[in-house]
Amino acid sequence: MRIILLEEAQRRFELEDAWWREHRDATALFVTEFETALARIEAMP
């Protein structure tokens, strides 16, 4: 299964990522966990 983010979801993701990078020490963690979740959904829809 392929996942496509709608424009609103992409915008929201970018806002959350920017907030995370500004307020957390593990700056890439939000993106890493999001990618992991998407990979699991793609593999086991």
PDB file of N, CA and C in Angstrom:
ATOM      1  N   MET A   1       0.841  -1.165   0.000  1.00  0.00           N
ATOM      2  CA  MET A   1       0.000   0.000   0.000  1.00  0.00           C
ATOM      3  C   MET A   1       0.895   1.239   0.000  1.00  0.00           C
ATOM      4  N   ARG A   2       0.499   2.217  -0.759  1.00  0.00           N
ATOM      5  CA  ARG A   2       1.237   3.487  -0.818  1.00  0.00           C
ATOM      6  C   ARG A   2       0.445   4.559  -0.071  1.00  0.00           C
ATOM      7  N   ILE A   3       1.119   5.356   0.713  1.00  0.00           N
ATOM      8  CA  ILE A   3       0.466   6.411   1.488  1.00  0.00           C
ATOM      9  C   ILE A   3       0.801   7.756   0.853  1.00  0.00           C
ATOM     10  N   ILE A   4      -0.223   8.561   0.654  1.00  0.00           N
ATOM     11  CA  ILE A   4      -0.058   9.904   0.112  1.00  0.00           C
ATOM     12  C   ILE A   4      -0.629  10.886   1.128  1.00  0.00           C
ATOM     13  N   LEU A   5       0.181  11.852   1.519  1.00  0.00           N
ATOM     14  CA  LEU A   5      -0.294  12.866   2.452  1.00  0.00           C
ATOM     15  C   LEU A   5      -1.012  13.974   1.689  1.00  0.00           C
ATOM     16  N   LEU A   6      -2.179  14.300   2.170  1.00  0.00           N
ATOM     17  CA  LEU A   6      -2.899  15.426   1.589  1.00  0.00           C
ATOM     18  C   LEU A   6      -2.195  16.722   1.969  1.00  0.00           C
ATOM     19  N   GLU A   7      -2.515  17.776   1.264  1.00  0.00           N
ATOM     20  CA  GLU A   7      -1.857  19.067   1.490  1.00  0.00           C
ATOM     21  C   GLU A   7      -1.956  19.517   2.942  1.00  0.00           C
ATOM     22  N   GLU A   8      -3.124  19.387   3.538  1.00  0.00           N
ATOM     23  CA  GLU A   8      -3.313  19.788   4.938  1.00  0.00           C
ATOM     24  C   GLU A   8      -2.462  18.932   5.875  1.00  0.00           C
ATOM     25  N   ALA A   9      -2.395  17.633   5.624  1.00  0.00           N
ATOM     26  CA  ALA A   9      -1.581  16.748   6.457  1.00  0.00           C
ATOM     27  C   ALA A   9      -0.102  17.093   6.319  1.00  0.00           C
ATOM     28  N   GLN A  10       0.331  17.396   5.124  1.00  0.00           N
ATOM     29  CA  GLN A  10       1.733  17.770   4.896  1.00  0.00           C
ATOM     30  C   GLN A  10       2.063  19.068   5.631  1.00  0.00           C
ATOM     31  N   ARG A  11       1.162  20.036   5.562  1.00  0.00           N
ATOM     32  CA  ARG A  11       1.361  21.310   6.254  1.00  0.00           C
ATOM     33  C   ARG A  11       1.445  21.085   7.766  1.00  0.00           C
ATOM     34  N   ARG A  12       0.549  20.256   8.284  1.00  0.00           N
ATOM     35  CA  ARG A  12       0.529  19.971   9.716  1.00  0.00           C
ATOM     36  C   ARG A  12       1.811  19.253  10.151  1.00  0.00           C
ATOM     37  N   PHE A  13       2.241  18.307   9.317  1.00  0.00           N
ATOM     38  CA  PHE A  13       3.486  17.591   9.600  1.00  0.00           C
ATOM     39  C   PHE A  13       4.657  18.572   9.690  1.00  0.00           C
ATOM     40  N   GLU A  14       4.749  19.480   8.749  1.00  0.00           N
ATOM     41  CA  GLU A  14       5.840  20.458   8.732  1.00  0.00           C
ATOM     42  C   GLU A  14       5.808  21.358   9.961  1.00  0.00           C
ATOM     43  N   LEU A  15       4.611  21.756  10.387  1.00  0.00           N
ATOM     44  CA  LEU A  15       4.487  22.579  11.595  1.00  0.00           C
ATOM     45  C   LEU A  15       4.936  21.815  12.834  1.00  0.00           C
ATOM     46  N   GLU A  16       4.489  20.576  12.953  1.00  0.00           N
ATOM     47  CA  GLU A  16       4.868  19.753  14.108  1.00  0.00           C
ATOM     48  C   GLU A  16       6.370  19.487  14.113  1.00  0.00           C
ATOM     49  N   ASP A  17       6.927  19.206  12.945  1.00  0.00           N
ATOM     50  CA  ASP A  17       8.357  18.949  12.855  1.00  0.00           C
ATOM     51  C   ASP A  17       9.158  20.190  13.260  1.00  0.00           C
ATOM     52  N   ALA A  18       8.735  21.347  12.803  1.00  0.00           N
ATOM     53  CA  ALA A  18       9.425  22.593  13.159  1.00  0.00           C
ATOM     54  C   ALA A  18       9.364  22.827  14.668  1.00  0.00           C
ATOM     55  N   TRP A  19       8.192  22.585  15.260  1.00  0.00           N
ATOM     56  CA  TRP A  19       8.053  22.758  16.706  1.00  0.00           C
ATOM     57  C   TRP A  19       8.976  21.785  17.431  1.00  0.00           C
ATOM     58  N   TRP A  20       8.978  20.528  16.997  1.00  0.00           N
ATOM     59  CA  TRP A  20       9.783  19.494  17.648  1.00  0.00           C
ATOM     60  C   TRP A  20      11.263  19.860  17.599  1.00  0.00           C
ATOM     61  N   ARG A  21      11.730  20.305  16.430  1.00  0.00           N
ATOM     62  CA  ARG A  21      13.147  20.646  16.279  1.00  0.00           C
ATOM     63  C   ARG A  21      13.535  21.838  17.159  1.00  0.00           C
ATOM     64  N   GLU A  22      12.589  22.716  17.413  1.00  0.00           N
ATOM     65  CA  GLU A  22      12.868  23.892  18.236  1.00  0.00           C
ATOM     66  C   GLU A  22      12.836  23.592  19.729  1.00  0.00           C
ATOM     67  N   HIS A  23      12.027  22.614  20.141  1.00  0.00           N
ATOM     68  CA  HIS A  23      11.797  22.388  21.567  1.00  0.00           C
ATOM     69  C   HIS A  23      12.345  21.081  22.131  1.00  0.00           C
ATOM     70  N   ARG A  24      12.947  20.256  21.317  1.00  0.00           N
ATOM     71  CA  ARG A  24      13.437  18.960  21.795  1.00  0.00           C
ATOM     72  C   ARG A  24      14.903  18.762  21.438  1.00  0.00           C
ATOM     73  N   ASP A  25      15.595  17.979  22.260  1.00  0.00           N
ATOM     74  CA  ASP A  25      17.002  17.680  21.996  1.00  0.00           C
ATOM     75  C   ASP A  25      17.154  16.690  20.831  1.00  0.00           C
ATOM     76  N   ALA A  26      16.295  15.697  20.772  1.00  0.00           N
ATOM     77  CA  ALA A  26      16.345  14.699  19.701  1.00  0.00           C
ATOM     78  C   ALA A  26      15.594  15.266  18.494  1.00  0.00           C
ATOM     79  N   THR A  27      16.258  16.133  17.762  1.00  0.00           N
ATOM     80  CA  THR A  27      15.584  16.915  16.720  1.00  0.00           C
ATOM     81  C   THR A  27      15.004  16.080  15.587  1.00  0.00           C
ATOM     82  N   ALA A  28      15.582  14.945  15.288  1.00  0.00           N
ATOM     83  CA  ALA A  28      15.097  14.134  14.162  1.00  0.00           C
ATOM     84  C   ALA A  28      14.102  13.065  14.608  1.00  0.00           C
ATOM     85  N   LEU A  29      13.828  12.952  15.885  1.00  0.00           N
ATOM     86  CA  LEU A  29      12.980  11.880  16.392  1.00  0.00           C
ATOM     87  C   LEU A  29      11.565  11.916  15.820  1.00  0.00           C
ATOM     88  N   PHE A  30      10.971  13.082  15.696  1.00  0.00           N
ATOM     89  CA  PHE A  30       9.610  13.185  15.168  1.00  0.00           C
ATOM     90  C   PHE A  30       9.532  12.595  13.762  1.00  0.00           C
ATOM     91  N   VAL A  31      10.465  12.977  12.903  1.00  0.00           N
ATOM     92  CA  VAL A  31      10.479  12.483  11.524  1.00  0.00           C
ATOM     93  C   VAL A  31      10.740  10.983  11.497  1.00  0.00           C
ATOM     94  N   THR A  32      11.690  10.541  12.300  1.00  0.00           N
ATOM     95  CA  THR A  32      12.026   9.113  12.334  1.00  0.00           C
ATOM     96  C   THR A  32      10.826   8.275  12.747  1.00  0.00           C
ATOM     97  N   GLU A  33      10.138   8.685  13.790  1.00  0.00           N
ATOM     98  CA  GLU A  33       8.983   7.919  14.258  1.00  0.00           C
ATOM     99  C   GLU A  33       7.815   8.000  13.273  1.00  0.00           C
ATOM    100  N   PHE A  34       7.652   9.130  12.625  1.00  0.00           N
ATOM    101  CA  PHE A  34       6.603   9.267  11.612  1.00  0.00           C
ATOM    102  C   PHE A  34       6.877   8.322  10.440  1.00  0.00           C
ATOM    103  N   GLU A  35       8.128   8.288   9.985  1.00  0.00           N
ATOM    104  CA  GLU A  35       8.505   7.401   8.885  1.00  0.00           C
ATOM    105  C   GLU A  35       8.301   5.938   9.272  1.00  0.00           C
ATOM    106  N   THR A  36       8.625   5.591  10.513  1.00  0.00           N
ATOM    107  CA  THR A  36       8.433   4.227  10.995  1.00  0.00           C
ATOM    108  C   THR A  36       6.949   3.862  10.990  1.00  0.00           C
ATOM    109  N   ALA A  37       6.115   4.778  11.445  1.00  0.00           N
ATOM    110  CA  ALA A  37       4.664   4.531  11.454  1.00  0.00           C
ATOM    111  C   ALA A  37       4.135   4.347  10.035  1.00  0.00           C
ATOM    112  N   LEU A  38       4.578   5.190   9.108  1.00  0.00           N
ATOM    113  CA  LEU A  38       4.135   5.049   7.724  1.00  0.00           C
ATOM    114  C   LEU A  38       4.573   3.722   7.123  1.00  0.00           C
ATOM    115  N   ALA A  39       5.788   3.306   7.412  1.00  0.00           N
ATOM    116  CA  ALA A  39       6.293   2.032   6.907  1.00  0.00           C
ATOM    117  C   ALA A  39       5.467   0.866   7.443  1.00  0.00           C
ATOM    118  N   ARG A  40       5.070   0.934   8.699  1.00  0.00           N
ATOM    119  CA  ARG A  40       4.234  -0.137   9.270  1.00  0.00           C
ATOM    120  C   ARG A  40       2.853  -0.162   8.629  1.00  0.00           C
ATOM    121  N   ILE A  41       2.283   1.001   8.404  1.00  0.00           N
ATOM    122  CA  ILE A  41       0.965   1.058   7.759  1.00  0.00           C
ATOM    123  C   ILE A  41       1.047   0.528   6.329  1.00  0.00           C
ATOM    124  N   GLU A  42       2.121   0.886   5.618  1.00  0.00           N
ATOM    125  CA  GLU A  42       2.294   0.399   4.254  1.00  0.00           C
ATOM    126  C   GLU A  42       2.449  -1.125   4.214  1.00  0.00           C
ATOM    127  N   ALA A  43       3.148  -1.671   5.187  1.00  0.00           N
ATOM    128  CA  ALA A  43       3.412  -3.113   5.215  1.00  0.00           C
ATOM    129  C   ALA A  43       2.202  -3.912   5.719  1.00  0.00           C
ATOM    130  N   MET A  44       1.432  -3.327   6.619  1.00  0.00           N
ATOM    131  CA  MET A  44       0.297  -4.041   7.230  1.00  0.00           C
ATOM    132  C   MET A  44      -0.928  -3.131   7.250  1.00  0.00           C
ATOM    133  N   PRO A  45      -1.513  -2.881   6.090  1.00  0.00           N
ATOM    134  CA  PRO A  45      -2.633  -1.935   6.028  1.00  0.00           C
ATOM    135  C   PRO A  45      -3.871  -2.389   6.797  1.00  0.00           C
TER     136      PRO A  45
END
